[in-house]
Amino acid sequence: MKYLKQMIKYLKQMIKNLKQMIKYLEQMIKYLEQMIKNLEQMIKNLKQMIKYLEQMIKYLEQMMKLTTKLIIRKKMWKSANLI
């Protein structure tokens, strides 16, 4: 009888521990789901940033071409004025 009471006590404690473990796991799932959402948003933001940077590179390349043309024209004007 004493053995059965002890067994019941042990099983009750085990049930309590398992319930607590379930709570922790459910909380962990919530945190992980939030982390996934945050990571997905971060990926989206990074993709957008890449698009903006690619666009900026195109604009800078255009500016370089225009600047080169202006420098060439300026040199041509200088040489034309020296003659």
N, C-alpha and C. Protein backbone atom coordinates (compact mmCIF):
# COMPACT_ATOMS: atom_id res chain seq x y z
N MET A 1 0.83 -1.19 0.00
CA MET A 1 0.00 0.00 0.00
C MET A 1 0.87 1.26 0.00
N LYS A 2 1.87 1.22 0.84
CA LYS A 2 2.77 2.36 0.93
C LYS A 2 3.48 2.57 -0.42
N TYR A 3 3.83 1.47 -1.04
CA TYR A 3 4.50 1.51 -2.34
C TYR A 3 3.59 2.14 -3.39
N LEU A 4 2.32 1.80 -3.37
CA LEU A 4 1.35 2.36 -4.34
C LEU A 4 1.17 3.85 -4.12
N LYS A 5 1.09 4.28 -2.87
CA LYS A 5 0.96 5.71 -2.58
C LYS A 5 2.18 6.48 -3.10
N GLN A 6 3.33 5.90 -2.89
CA GLN A 6 4.55 6.52 -3.36
C GLN A 6 4.55 6.59 -4.90
N MET A 7 4.10 5.53 -5.52
CA MET A 7 4.02 5.47 -6.98
C MET A 7 3.05 6.54 -7.50
N ILE A 8 1.92 6.69 -6.84
CA ILE A 8 0.93 7.70 -7.24
C ILE A 8 1.52 9.09 -7.09
N LYS A 9 2.20 9.32 -6.01
CA LYS A 9 2.83 10.62 -5.76
C LYS A 9 3.86 10.92 -6.85
N TYR A 10 4.65 9.90 -7.18
CA TYR A 10 5.66 10.06 -8.22
C TYR A 10 5.01 10.36 -9.57
N LEU A 11 3.94 9.65 -9.88
CA LEU A 11 3.24 9.86 -11.15
C LEU A 11 2.59 11.25 -11.22
N LYS A 12 2.05 11.71 -10.12
CA LYS A 12 1.46 13.05 -10.08
C LYS A 12 2.54 14.11 -10.33
N GLN A 13 3.68 13.91 -9.72
CA GLN A 13 4.79 14.84 -9.92
C GLN A 13 5.24 14.80 -11.38
N MET A 14 5.25 13.63 -11.94
CA MET A 14 5.65 13.47 -13.34
C MET A 14 4.65 14.19 -14.26
N ILE A 15 3.39 14.06 -13.97
CA ILE A 15 2.35 14.75 -14.75
C ILE A 15 2.53 16.26 -14.64
N LYS A 16 2.77 16.73 -13.44
CA LYS A 16 3.00 18.16 -13.22
C LYS A 16 4.20 18.65 -14.03
N ASN A 17 5.28 17.89 -13.99
CA ASN A 17 6.49 18.26 -14.76
C ASN A 17 6.21 18.26 -16.26
N LEU A 18 5.47 17.29 -16.72
CA LEU A 18 5.14 17.21 -18.15
C LEU A 18 4.27 18.39 -18.59
N LYS A 19 3.33 18.77 -17.74
CA LYS A 19 2.48 19.93 -18.05
C LYS A 19 3.33 21.20 -18.13
N GLN A 20 4.27 21.31 -17.21
CA GLN A 20 5.16 22.46 -17.22
C GLN A 20 6.02 22.45 -18.49
N MET A 21 6.48 21.29 -18.86
CA MET A 21 7.29 21.17 -20.07
C MET A 21 6.46 21.56 -21.30
N ILE A 22 5.22 21.18 -21.34
CA ILE A 22 4.33 21.55 -22.44
C ILE A 22 4.19 23.06 -22.51
N LYS A 23 4.02 23.71 -21.36
CA LYS A 23 3.93 25.17 -21.34
C LYS A 23 5.18 25.81 -21.91
N TYR A 24 6.34 25.32 -21.48
CA TYR A 24 7.60 25.87 -21.98
C TYR A 24 7.73 25.67 -23.48
N LEU A 25 7.36 24.49 -23.95
CA LEU A 25 7.46 24.19 -25.38
C LEU A 25 6.50 25.06 -26.19
N GLU A 26 5.30 25.27 -25.67
CA GLU A 26 4.35 26.14 -26.37
C GLU A 26 4.88 27.56 -26.45
N GLN A 27 5.48 28.02 -25.36
CA GLN A 27 6.08 29.36 -25.34
C GLN A 27 7.23 29.43 -26.33
N MET A 28 8.03 28.40 -26.37
CA MET A 28 9.15 28.36 -27.30
C MET A 28 8.64 28.40 -28.74
N ILE A 29 7.58 27.71 -29.02
CA ILE A 29 6.98 27.72 -30.37
C ILE A 29 6.55 29.14 -30.73
N LYS A 30 5.93 29.84 -29.78
CA LYS A 30 5.52 31.22 -30.04
C LYS A 30 6.72 32.10 -30.37
N TYR A 31 7.80 31.96 -29.58
CA TYR A 31 9.00 32.75 -29.82
C TYR A 31 9.60 32.42 -31.19
N LEU A 32 9.63 31.13 -31.51
CA LEU A 32 10.20 30.72 -32.79
C LEU A 32 9.35 31.23 -33.97
N GLU A 33 8.03 31.19 -33.81
CA GLU A 33 7.15 31.71 -34.86
C GLU A 33 7.40 33.21 -35.06
N GLN A 34 7.56 33.94 -33.97
CA GLN A 34 7.84 35.37 -34.06
C GLN A 34 9.21 35.61 -34.71
N MET A 35 10.16 34.78 -34.35
CA MET A 35 11.49 34.90 -34.93
C MET A 35 11.43 34.65 -36.44
N ILE A 36 10.67 33.68 -36.85
CA ILE A 36 10.51 33.39 -38.27
C ILE A 36 9.89 34.59 -38.99
N LYS A 37 8.86 35.17 -38.40
CA LYS A 37 8.23 36.36 -39.00
C LYS A 37 9.25 37.49 -39.13
N ASN A 38 10.04 37.69 -38.08
CA ASN A 38 11.05 38.75 -38.11
C ASN A 38 12.10 38.48 -39.18
N LEU A 39 12.52 37.23 -39.30
CA LEU A 39 13.51 36.88 -40.31
C LEU A 39 12.95 37.05 -41.72
N GLU A 40 11.68 36.68 -41.90
CA GLU A 40 11.05 36.86 -43.21
C GLU A 40 10.99 38.35 -43.57
N GLN A 41 10.67 39.17 -42.59
CA GLN A 41 10.62 40.62 -42.82
C GLN A 41 12.02 41.15 -43.14
N MET A 42 13.00 40.63 -42.44
CA MET A 42 14.38 41.05 -42.67
C MET A 42 14.81 40.69 -44.09
N ILE A 43 14.46 39.49 -44.53
CA ILE A 43 14.78 39.05 -45.89
C ILE A 43 14.12 39.98 -46.91
N LYS A 44 12.86 40.29 -46.66
CA LYS A 44 12.13 41.20 -47.56
C LYS A 44 12.82 42.56 -47.62
N ASN A 45 13.20 43.08 -46.46
CA ASN A 45 13.89 44.38 -46.41
C ASN A 45 15.23 44.34 -47.13
N LEU A 46 15.96 43.24 -46.96
CA LEU A 46 17.25 43.11 -47.61
C LEU A 46 17.11 43.04 -49.13
N LYS A 47 16.08 42.33 -49.59
CA LYS A 47 15.83 42.26 -51.03
C LYS A 47 15.52 43.65 -51.58
N GLN A 48 14.73 44.41 -50.83
CA GLN A 48 14.39 45.77 -51.24
C GLN A 48 15.65 46.64 -51.27
N MET A 49 16.49 46.47 -50.27
CA MET A 49 17.73 47.24 -50.21
C MET A 49 18.62 46.91 -51.40
N ILE A 50 18.69 45.65 -51.77
CA ILE A 50 19.48 45.24 -52.93
C ILE A 50 18.97 45.94 -54.19
N LYS A 51 17.64 45.99 -54.34
CA LYS A 51 17.06 46.68 -55.50
C LYS A 51 17.47 48.14 -55.53
N TYR A 52 17.38 48.81 -54.39
CA TYR A 52 17.75 50.22 -54.31
C TYR A 52 19.23 50.41 -54.63
N LEU A 53 20.07 49.53 -54.10
CA LEU A 53 21.51 49.64 -54.34
C LEU A 53 21.84 49.40 -55.81
N GLU A 54 21.16 48.44 -56.43
CA GLU A 54 21.37 48.20 -57.86
C GLU A 54 20.97 49.43 -58.68
N GLN A 55 19.87 50.04 -58.27
CA GLN A 55 19.41 51.25 -58.95
C GLN A 55 20.43 52.39 -58.76
N MET A 56 20.96 52.50 -57.55
CA MET A 56 21.95 53.53 -57.27
C MET A 56 23.20 53.31 -58.13
N ILE A 57 23.62 52.07 -58.28
CA ILE A 57 24.78 51.76 -59.12
C ILE A 57 24.53 52.22 -60.55
N LYS A 58 23.32 51.95 -61.07
CA LYS A 58 23.00 52.39 -62.43
C LYS A 58 23.09 53.90 -62.55
N TYR A 59 22.54 54.63 -61.59
CA TYR A 59 22.59 56.09 -61.61
C TYR A 59 24.03 56.58 -61.54
N LEU A 60 24.84 55.96 -60.69
CA LEU A 60 26.24 56.37 -60.55
C LEU A 60 27.01 56.10 -61.84
N GLU A 61 26.71 54.97 -62.48
CA GLU A 61 27.37 54.67 -63.75
C GLU A 61 27.00 55.71 -64.81
N GLN A 62 25.72 56.11 -64.82
CA GLN A 62 25.29 57.15 -65.75
C GLN A 62 26.00 58.47 -65.46
N MET A 63 26.12 58.80 -64.18
CA MET A 63 26.81 60.04 -63.80
C MET A 63 28.27 60.00 -64.23
N MET A 64 28.90 58.83 -64.09
CA MET A 64 30.30 58.69 -64.50
C MET A 64 30.43 58.93 -66.01
N LYS A 65 29.51 58.36 -66.79
CA LYS A 65 29.55 58.54 -68.24
C LYS A 65 29.38 60.01 -68.60
N LEU A 66 28.41 60.66 -67.95
CA LEU A 66 28.17 62.08 -68.23
C LEU A 66 29.37 62.93 -67.83
N THR A 67 29.94 62.62 -66.68
CA THR A 67 31.10 63.37 -66.20
C THR A 67 32.26 63.20 -67.17
N THR A 68 32.47 61.98 -67.64
CA THR A 68 33.54 61.72 -68.61
C THR A 68 33.31 62.54 -69.87
N LYS A 69 32.08 62.56 -70.37
CA LYS A 69 31.76 63.35 -71.56
C LYS A 69 32.03 64.83 -71.33
N LEU A 70 31.65 65.32 -70.15
CA LEU A 70 31.89 66.73 -69.83
C LEU A 70 33.38 67.05 -69.78
N ILE A 71 34.16 66.16 -69.19
CA ILE A 71 35.60 66.37 -69.10
C ILE A 71 36.21 66.42 -70.50
N ILE A 72 35.78 65.48 -71.34
CA ILE A 72 36.30 65.45 -72.72
C ILE A 72 35.94 66.75 -73.44
N ARG A 73 34.70 67.19 -73.30
CA ARG A 73 34.27 68.44 -73.95
C ARG A 73 35.06 69.64 -73.43
N LYS A 74 35.28 69.65 -72.11
CA LYS A 74 36.04 70.75 -71.51
C LYS A 74 37.45 70.78 -72.08
N LYS A 75 38.08 69.62 -72.21
CA LYS A 75 39.43 69.54 -72.77
C LYS A 75 39.42 69.99 -74.22
N MET A 76 38.36 69.59 -74.94
CA MET A 76 38.26 70.00 -76.35
C MET A 76 38.13 71.52 -76.45
N TRP A 77 37.35 72.11 -75.57
CA TRP A 77 37.17 73.58 -75.58
C TRP A 77 38.48 74.28 -75.26
N LYS A 78 39.18 73.71 -74.25
CA LYS A 78 40.46 74.31 -73.88
C LYS A 78 41.44 74.26 -75.05
N SER A 79 41.51 73.11 -75.69
CA SER A 79 42.45 72.98 -76.81
C SER A 79 42.00 73.84 -77.99
N ALA A 80 40.70 74.00 -78.17
CA ALA A 80 40.20 74.84 -79.26
C ALA A 80 40.51 76.31 -78.98
N ASN A 81 40.47 76.70 -77.72
CA ASN A 81 40.76 78.10 -77.35
C ASN A 81 42.25 78.42 -77.44
N LEU A 82 43.09 77.40 -77.30
CA LEU A 82 44.54 77.62 -77.35
C LEU A 82 45.01 77.85 -78.78
N ILE A 83 44.27 77.33 -79.71
CA ILE A 83 44.68 77.43 -81.13
C ILE A 83 44.47 78.81 -81.68
